[in-house]
N, C-alpha and C. Protein backbone atom coordinates (compact mmCIF):
# COMPACT_ATOMS: atom_id res chain seq x y z
N MET A 1 72.81 -154.12 -160.17
CA MET A 1 73.48 -153.92 -160.68
C MET A 1 74.71 -154.13 -159.29
N THR A 2 75.73 -154.99 -159.73
CA THR A 2 77.05 -154.60 -158.56
C THR A 2 77.75 -153.31 -158.85
N ALA A 3 78.79 -153.09 -158.33
CA ALA A 3 79.74 -152.20 -158.52
C ALA A 3 80.53 -153.55 -159.31
N ALA A 4 80.88 -154.31 -159.06
CA ALA A 4 81.65 -154.94 -160.40
C ALA A 4 81.28 -155.45 -161.34
N THR A 5 80.00 -155.47 -161.50
CA THR A 5 79.11 -155.85 -163.00
C THR A 5 79.31 -154.31 -163.39
N ALA A 6 79.30 -153.30 -162.61
CA ALA A 6 79.17 -152.30 -163.51
C ALA A 6 80.45 -151.63 -164.04
N LEU A 7 81.79 -152.39 -163.05
CA LEU A 7 82.95 -152.26 -163.88
C LEU A 7 83.41 -153.14 -164.78
N THR A 8 82.72 -154.17 -164.85
CA THR A 8 83.17 -155.15 -165.81
C THR A 8 82.23 -154.32 -167.38
N ALA A 9 81.03 -153.96 -166.99
CA ALA A 9 80.41 -153.51 -168.34
C ALA A 9 81.37 -151.91 -169.06
N LEU A 10 81.77 -151.43 -168.14
CA LEU A 10 82.77 -150.32 -168.44
C LEU A 10 84.07 -150.89 -169.37
N THR A 11 84.58 -151.67 -168.71
CA THR A 11 85.74 -152.19 -168.96
C THR A 11 85.16 -152.89 -170.78
N MET A 12 84.32 -152.88 -170.87
CA MET A 12 83.91 -153.62 -172.42
C MET A 12 83.84 -152.52 -173.29
N ILE A 13 84.07 -151.01 -172.96
CA ILE A 13 83.76 -150.13 -173.79
C ILE A 13 84.88 -150.21 -175.06
N PRO A 14 85.14 -150.38 -176.02
CA PRO A 14 86.13 -150.33 -176.74
C PRO A 14 86.89 -148.60 -176.67
N PRO A 15 88.07 -148.81 -176.37
CA PRO A 15 88.72 -147.74 -175.94
C PRO A 15 88.73 -146.59 -177.79
N GLY A 16 88.30 -145.32 -177.03
CA GLY A 16 88.50 -144.48 -177.88
C GLY A 16 87.01 -144.18 -178.57
N SER A 17 86.25 -145.03 -178.09
CA SER A 17 84.88 -144.82 -178.44
C SER A 17 84.02 -143.46 -178.60
N ALA A 18 84.13 -143.07 -177.06
CA ALA A 18 83.73 -141.90 -176.55
C ALA A 18 84.52 -140.93 -176.56
N ALA A 19 85.65 -141.07 -176.26
CA ALA A 19 87.00 -140.43 -176.32
C ALA A 19 87.13 -139.81 -177.56
N ALA A 20 87.10 -140.33 -178.81
CA ALA A 20 87.20 -139.79 -179.92
C ALA A 20 86.13 -138.61 -180.71
N ALA A 21 84.66 -138.96 -179.99
CA ALA A 21 84.01 -137.77 -180.25
C ALA A 21 84.62 -135.96 -179.88
N ALA A 22 84.56 -135.73 -181.23
CA ALA A 22 84.99 -134.37 -181.27
C ALA A 22 84.51 -133.54 -180.09
N ALA A 23 85.10 -133.11 -179.30
CA ALA A 23 84.30 -131.46 -178.25
C ALA A 23 83.98 -130.82 -179.22
N PRO A 24 82.43 -130.37 -178.32
CA PRO A 24 81.72 -129.15 -178.77
C PRO A 24 82.93 -127.79 -178.91
N SER A 25 82.48 -127.39 -179.73
CA SER A 25 83.48 -125.94 -179.78
C SER A 25 82.09 -124.73 -179.33
N VAL A 26 82.68 -123.98 -178.30
CA VAL A 26 81.61 -122.82 -177.71
C VAL A 26 82.36 -121.84 -178.42
N GLN A 27 81.08 -120.97 -178.80
CA GLN A 27 81.90 -119.60 -179.07
C GLN A 27 80.67 -118.23 -178.55
N VAL A 28 81.45 -117.26 -177.90
CA VAL A 28 80.61 -116.26 -177.54
C VAL A 28 80.49 -115.18 -178.15
N ARG A 29 79.96 -114.70 -178.83
CA ARG A 29 79.92 -113.10 -179.57
C ARG A 29 79.00 -112.11 -178.72
N GLN A 30 80.03 -111.63 -178.54
CA GLN A 30 80.11 -110.27 -177.97
C GLN A 30 78.99 -109.17 -178.37
N GLY A 31 78.13 -109.18 -176.88
CA GLY A 31 76.99 -108.29 -177.38
C GLY A 31 77.35 -106.91 -177.21
N TYR A 32 76.63 -106.24 -176.07
CA TYR A 32 76.56 -104.89 -175.55
C TYR A 32 76.12 -105.10 -173.91
N THR A 33 76.86 -103.85 -173.39
CA THR A 33 77.15 -103.27 -172.56
C THR A 33 76.13 -102.22 -171.82
N ALA A 34 74.69 -102.64 -170.99
CA ALA A 34 73.96 -101.51 -170.74
C ALA A 34 74.23 -101.25 -169.32
N THR A 35 74.48 -99.78 -169.15
CA THR A 35 74.40 -99.64 -168.03
C THR A 35 73.46 -98.43 -167.19
N VAL A 36 72.88 -98.88 -166.52
CA VAL A 36 71.53 -98.45 -166.02
C VAL A 36 71.98 -98.25 -164.20
N ARG A 37 70.94 -96.89 -164.07
CA ARG A 37 70.95 -96.64 -162.50
C ARG A 37 70.79 -98.00 -161.69
N GLU A 38 71.26 -98.51 -160.65
CA GLU A 38 70.41 -99.27 -160.06
C GLU A 38 69.30 -99.59 -159.07
N SER A 39 68.92 -98.29 -158.94
CA SER A 39 67.56 -98.45 -157.89
C SER A 39 66.53 -98.28 -159.13
N ASP A 40 66.82 -97.58 -160.33
CA ASP A 40 65.98 -97.57 -161.28
C ASP A 40 65.70 -98.82 -162.19
N SER A 41 66.48 -99.73 -162.05
CA SER A 41 66.74 -101.02 -163.24
C SER A 41 66.11 -101.92 -163.35
N TYR A 42 65.62 -102.34 -164.27
CA TYR A 42 65.10 -104.05 -164.56
C TYR A 42 65.56 -104.12 -165.87
N PHE A 43 66.78 -104.71 -165.65
CA PHE A 43 67.39 -105.29 -166.76
C PHE A 43 66.74 -106.70 -167.27
N TRP A 44 66.60 -106.86 -168.50
CA TRP A 44 66.24 -108.04 -169.22
C TRP A 44 67.27 -108.16 -170.60
N CYS A 45 67.82 -109.37 -170.53
CA CYS A 45 68.86 -109.59 -171.96
C CYS A 45 67.94 -109.58 -172.93
N PRO A 46 68.51 -109.48 -174.22
CA PRO A 46 67.77 -109.65 -175.53
C PRO A 46 67.31 -110.82 -175.80
N GLU A 47 66.78 -110.89 -176.67
CA GLU A 47 66.35 -112.56 -176.96
C GLU A 47 67.54 -112.98 -177.45
N ASP A 48 67.46 -114.38 -177.13
CA ASP A 48 69.07 -115.19 -177.29
C ASP A 48 70.44 -114.75 -177.11
N GLU A 49 70.01 -114.13 -175.70
CA GLU A 49 71.65 -113.73 -175.14
C GLU A 49 71.41 -113.62 -173.82
N VAL A 50 72.68 -114.06 -173.17
CA VAL A 50 72.69 -114.34 -172.03
C VAL A 50 73.55 -113.58 -171.35
N MET A 51 73.99 -113.11 -170.05
CA MET A 51 74.14 -112.48 -169.57
C MET A 51 75.74 -113.01 -168.77
N ILE A 52 76.79 -112.28 -169.15
CA ILE A 52 78.20 -113.04 -169.24
C ILE A 52 78.82 -111.79 -168.18
N GLY A 53 78.56 -110.73 -167.31
CA GLY A 53 79.08 -109.69 -166.55
C GLY A 53 77.98 -109.07 -165.97
N ARG A 54 78.25 -108.19 -164.88
CA ARG A 54 77.93 -107.23 -164.07
C ARG A 54 78.59 -106.77 -163.10
N ALA A 55 78.46 -105.43 -163.25
CA ALA A 55 79.64 -104.76 -162.43
C ALA A 55 78.63 -103.57 -162.02
N HIS A 56 79.04 -103.36 -160.54
CA HIS A 56 78.63 -102.07 -160.05
C HIS A 56 79.21 -100.96 -159.13
N SER A 57 78.78 -99.98 -159.16
CA SER A 57 79.75 -98.90 -158.47
C SER A 57 78.52 -97.97 -157.40
N GLY A 58 78.90 -97.61 -156.59
CA GLY A 58 78.47 -96.90 -155.67
C GLY A 58 77.63 -97.77 -154.72
N ASP A 59 76.15 -96.71 -154.44
CA ASP A 59 75.32 -97.37 -153.34
C ASP A 59 74.14 -97.89 -154.01
N GLU A 60 72.85 -98.17 -154.11
CA GLU A 60 71.74 -98.31 -154.46
C GLU A 60 71.40 -97.20 -156.00
N ASN A 61 72.08 -96.24 -155.39
CA ASN A 61 71.96 -95.00 -156.46
C ASN A 61 73.19 -94.80 -157.18
N GLY A 62 73.87 -95.86 -157.40
CA GLY A 62 75.34 -96.22 -158.30
C GLY A 62 74.45 -96.48 -159.68
N ARG A 63 75.75 -96.81 -160.35
CA ARG A 63 75.27 -97.51 -161.87
C ARG A 63 75.68 -98.68 -161.61
N THR A 64 74.89 -99.67 -162.68
CA THR A 64 75.16 -100.97 -162.54
C THR A 64 75.23 -100.78 -164.68
N ALA A 65 76.71 -102.00 -164.70
CA ALA A 65 76.55 -102.28 -165.94
C ALA A 65 76.31 -103.73 -166.39
N TYR A 66 75.51 -104.20 -167.14
CA TYR A 66 75.12 -105.75 -167.16
C TYR A 66 75.74 -106.07 -168.95
N GLN A 67 76.73 -107.02 -168.98
CA GLN A 67 77.06 -107.47 -170.44
C GLN A 67 76.55 -108.33 -170.59
N TYR A 68 76.34 -109.04 -171.92
CA TYR A 68 75.61 -109.43 -172.43
C TYR A 68 76.20 -110.02 -174.05
N ALA A 69 75.96 -111.47 -174.37
CA ALA A 69 76.69 -112.14 -175.57
C ALA A 69 75.78 -112.62 -176.20
N ARG A 70 75.98 -113.70 -177.12
CA ARG A 70 75.09 -114.72 -177.73
C ARG A 70 76.14 -115.62 -177.53
N VAL A 71 75.80 -116.58 -176.98
CA VAL A 71 76.73 -118.34 -176.89
C VAL A 71 76.07 -119.14 -177.67
N THR A 72 77.24 -119.57 -178.68
CA THR A 72 76.51 -121.17 -179.66
C THR A 72 77.65 -122.00 -179.16
N VAL A 73 76.97 -123.12 -178.90
CA VAL A 73 77.55 -124.49 -179.09
C VAL A 73 77.11 -125.45 -179.94
N GLY A 74 78.18 -126.11 -180.41
CA GLY A 74 78.06 -126.72 -181.71
C GLY A 74 79.30 -127.80 -182.27
């Protein structure tokens, strides 16, 4: 397919057909912040949740906070 053919095909799409689709909503339900000693840490997020933040202070013996939440798209 040439660039001209592709451009022609795109101009044949009725205006608003793709743009009219509602954008999905994204919800972030705050979870918990776990604070652990970094040198001893092996952090796993709870099932069905994702890490949304991490903060560390000090050296390898300092404390690290992991923040996680449940994210849904619908």
